[in-house]
N, C-alpha and C. Protein backbone atom coordinates (compact mmCIF):
# COMPACT_ATOMS: atom_id res chain seq x y z
N MET A 1 -16.09 -1.77 -10.03
CA MET A 1 -15.18 -1.40 -8.97
C MET A 1 -13.74 -1.50 -9.50
N ASP A 2 -12.97 -0.48 -9.28
CA ASP A 2 -11.56 -0.45 -9.67
C ASP A 2 -10.73 -0.95 -8.49
N VAL A 3 -10.32 -2.19 -8.55
CA VAL A 3 -9.61 -2.83 -7.44
C VAL A 3 -8.26 -2.18 -7.20
N VAL A 4 -7.60 -1.76 -8.27
CA VAL A 4 -6.28 -1.13 -8.12
C VAL A 4 -6.40 0.18 -7.35
N ARG A 5 -7.41 0.97 -7.70
CA ARG A 5 -7.64 2.24 -6.99
C ARG A 5 -8.05 1.98 -5.54
N LEU A 6 -8.91 1.00 -5.32
CA LEU A 6 -9.34 0.65 -3.97
C LEU A 6 -8.14 0.22 -3.12
N PHE A 7 -7.28 -0.61 -3.68
CA PHE A 7 -6.08 -1.05 -2.98
C PHE A 7 -5.25 0.16 -2.58
N GLY A 8 -5.01 1.07 -3.51
CA GLY A 8 -4.21 2.26 -3.23
C GLY A 8 -4.80 3.13 -2.14
N GLU A 9 -6.12 3.32 -2.20
CA GLU A 9 -6.78 4.13 -1.17
C GLU A 9 -6.65 3.48 0.20
N ASN A 10 -6.77 2.16 0.25
CA ASN A 10 -6.64 1.46 1.53
C ASN A 10 -5.22 1.52 2.07
N VAL A 11 -4.23 1.40 1.20
CA VAL A 11 -2.84 1.51 1.64
C VAL A 11 -2.62 2.88 2.24
N ARG A 12 -3.06 3.92 1.53
CA ARG A 12 -2.87 5.29 2.02
C ARG A 12 -3.56 5.50 3.36
N LYS A 13 -4.81 5.04 3.46
CA LYS A 13 -5.57 5.19 4.71
C LYS A 13 -4.86 4.51 5.87
N GLU A 14 -4.40 3.29 5.66
CA GLU A 14 -3.73 2.54 6.72
C GLU A 14 -2.37 3.15 7.05
N ARG A 15 -1.66 3.64 6.06
CA ARG A 15 -0.36 4.29 6.30
C ARG A 15 -0.55 5.53 7.16
N LEU A 16 -1.53 6.36 6.80
CA LEU A 16 -1.78 7.58 7.56
C LEU A 16 -2.27 7.28 8.97
N ALA A 17 -3.06 6.21 9.12
CA ALA A 17 -3.55 5.83 10.45
C ALA A 17 -2.39 5.45 11.38
N ARG A 18 -1.28 5.05 10.78
CA ARG A 18 -0.09 4.68 11.57
C ARG A 18 0.92 5.81 11.63
N ASP A 19 0.52 6.97 11.13
CA ASP A 19 1.35 8.18 11.14
C ASP A 19 2.70 7.94 10.45
N LEU A 20 2.64 7.26 9.30
CA LEU A 20 3.84 7.00 8.51
C LEU A 20 3.82 7.86 7.26
N THR A 21 4.97 8.37 6.87
CA THR A 21 5.09 9.05 5.58
C THR A 21 5.31 7.99 4.51
N GLN A 22 5.14 8.39 3.26
CA GLN A 22 5.44 7.45 2.18
C GLN A 22 6.91 7.04 2.27
N GLN A 23 7.77 7.98 2.58
CA GLN A 23 9.20 7.67 2.69
C GLN A 23 9.46 6.65 3.80
N ASP A 24 8.80 6.82 4.95
CA ASP A 24 8.96 5.87 6.06
C ASP A 24 8.56 4.46 5.64
N LEU A 25 7.38 4.34 5.04
CA LEU A 25 6.87 3.03 4.67
C LEU A 25 7.72 2.42 3.55
N ALA A 26 8.09 3.21 2.58
CA ALA A 26 8.92 2.71 1.48
C ALA A 26 10.26 2.21 2.02
N ALA A 27 10.86 2.94 2.92
CA ALA A 27 12.14 2.52 3.51
C ALA A 27 11.98 1.21 4.27
N LYS A 28 10.89 1.08 5.00
CA LYS A 28 10.62 -0.14 5.76
C LYS A 28 10.49 -1.35 4.83
N LEU A 29 9.97 -1.09 3.62
CA LEU A 29 9.75 -2.16 2.65
C LEU A 29 10.91 -2.37 1.70
N GLY A 30 11.85 -1.41 1.67
CA GLY A 30 12.93 -1.49 0.72
C GLY A 30 12.49 -1.22 -0.70
N MET A 31 11.50 -0.35 -0.86
CA MET A 31 11.01 0.01 -2.20
C MET A 31 11.14 1.51 -2.40
N GLU A 32 11.04 1.94 -3.62
CA GLU A 32 11.13 3.36 -3.94
C GLU A 32 9.86 4.08 -3.48
N ARG A 33 10.02 5.28 -2.95
CA ARG A 33 8.87 6.08 -2.54
C ARG A 33 7.97 6.37 -3.74
N SER A 34 8.55 6.58 -4.90
CA SER A 34 7.76 6.88 -6.09
C SER A 34 6.86 5.70 -6.48
N TYR A 35 7.35 4.47 -6.31
CA TYR A 35 6.54 3.29 -6.59
C TYR A 35 5.35 3.22 -5.62
N LEU A 36 5.62 3.46 -4.34
CA LEU A 36 4.55 3.47 -3.35
C LEU A 36 3.52 4.55 -3.67
N SER A 37 3.99 5.72 -4.07
CA SER A 37 3.10 6.81 -4.44
C SER A 37 2.19 6.41 -5.60
N GLU A 38 2.76 5.76 -6.60
CA GLU A 38 1.96 5.33 -7.74
C GLU A 38 0.95 4.25 -7.34
N LEU A 39 1.34 3.37 -6.43
CA LEU A 39 0.40 2.37 -5.93
C LEU A 39 -0.77 3.05 -5.23
N GLU A 40 -0.47 4.02 -4.36
CA GLU A 40 -1.52 4.71 -3.61
C GLU A 40 -2.46 5.48 -4.53
N ARG A 41 -1.96 5.98 -5.63
CA ARG A 41 -2.80 6.74 -6.57
C ARG A 41 -3.51 5.85 -7.58
N GLY A 42 -3.29 4.53 -7.48
CA GLY A 42 -3.97 3.60 -8.39
C GLY A 42 -3.40 3.64 -9.79
N ARG A 43 -2.16 4.05 -9.93
CA ARG A 43 -1.53 4.15 -11.26
C ARG A 43 -0.62 2.97 -11.57
N ARG A 44 -0.39 2.11 -10.61
CA ARG A 44 0.41 0.90 -10.81
C ARG A 44 -0.38 -0.29 -10.30
N ASN A 45 -0.30 -1.39 -11.01
CA ASN A 45 -0.90 -2.63 -10.55
C ASN A 45 0.03 -3.27 -9.54
N PRO A 46 -0.45 -3.54 -8.34
CA PRO A 46 0.43 -4.16 -7.34
C PRO A 46 0.66 -5.63 -7.69
N THR A 47 1.86 -6.09 -7.43
CA THR A 47 2.14 -7.52 -7.57
C THR A 47 1.61 -8.21 -6.31
N VAL A 48 1.48 -9.50 -6.39
CA VAL A 48 1.07 -10.26 -5.21
C VAL A 48 2.13 -10.10 -4.12
N GLN A 49 3.38 -10.05 -4.52
CA GLN A 49 4.47 -9.86 -3.56
C GLN A 49 4.34 -8.50 -2.87
N ALA A 50 4.06 -7.45 -3.63
CA ALA A 50 3.89 -6.11 -3.04
C ALA A 50 2.70 -6.09 -2.09
N LEU A 51 1.61 -6.75 -2.47
CA LEU A 51 0.43 -6.83 -1.60
C LEU A 51 0.81 -7.46 -0.27
N GLY A 52 1.52 -8.58 -0.31
CA GLY A 52 1.92 -9.26 0.91
C GLY A 52 2.87 -8.45 1.76
N ARG A 53 3.85 -7.82 1.12
CA ARG A 53 4.83 -7.01 1.87
C ARG A 53 4.17 -5.81 2.53
N LEU A 54 3.27 -5.14 1.80
CA LEU A 54 2.57 -3.99 2.37
C LEU A 54 1.69 -4.41 3.54
N ALA A 55 0.98 -5.52 3.37
CA ALA A 55 0.13 -6.01 4.45
C ALA A 55 0.96 -6.32 5.69
N ASP A 56 2.08 -6.98 5.51
CA ASP A 56 2.96 -7.30 6.64
C ASP A 56 3.45 -6.02 7.32
N ALA A 57 3.90 -5.06 6.52
CA ALA A 57 4.45 -3.82 7.08
C ALA A 57 3.39 -3.03 7.84
N LEU A 58 2.14 -3.13 7.39
CA LEU A 58 1.05 -2.40 8.05
C LEU A 58 0.34 -3.26 9.10
N GLU A 59 0.87 -4.47 9.31
CA GLU A 59 0.31 -5.42 10.28
C GLU A 59 -1.16 -5.72 10.01
N LEU A 60 -1.42 -6.07 8.75
CA LEU A 60 -2.77 -6.41 8.30
C LEU A 60 -2.72 -7.75 7.56
N GLU A 61 -3.89 -8.33 7.35
CA GLU A 61 -4.01 -9.46 6.45
C GLU A 61 -4.14 -8.88 5.04
N PRO A 62 -3.58 -9.54 4.03
CA PRO A 62 -3.64 -9.00 2.66
C PRO A 62 -5.05 -8.63 2.20
N TRP A 63 -6.04 -9.44 2.55
CA TRP A 63 -7.39 -9.15 2.10
C TRP A 63 -7.91 -7.82 2.63
N GLU A 64 -7.38 -7.37 3.76
CA GLU A 64 -7.84 -6.10 4.33
C GLU A 64 -7.49 -4.91 3.45
N LEU A 65 -6.48 -5.05 2.61
CA LEU A 65 -6.11 -3.96 1.70
C LEU A 65 -6.97 -3.98 0.43
N LEU A 66 -7.82 -4.99 0.29
CA LEU A 66 -8.68 -5.10 -0.88
C LEU A 66 -10.16 -4.94 -0.56
N ARG A 67 -10.47 -4.66 0.68
CA ARG A 67 -11.88 -4.55 1.06
C ARG A 67 -12.43 -3.17 0.73
N PRO A 68 -13.68 -3.13 0.33
CA PRO A 68 -14.30 -1.82 0.05
C PRO A 68 -14.56 -1.01 1.31
């Protein structure tokens, strides 16, 4: 199982479920849209800090972004 890819897919799914664009979510987090895009595509390893910030912004527990 590729955890980085799984994380990215879950972030994208949860972002779309909240009708947010990458730009909207990135702005809410104070991060670059390109970094968020790379996370969603599984091309960047998320830091623990990024995992926590994304979970907070999406109103989830961090583990929910890592579940299959």
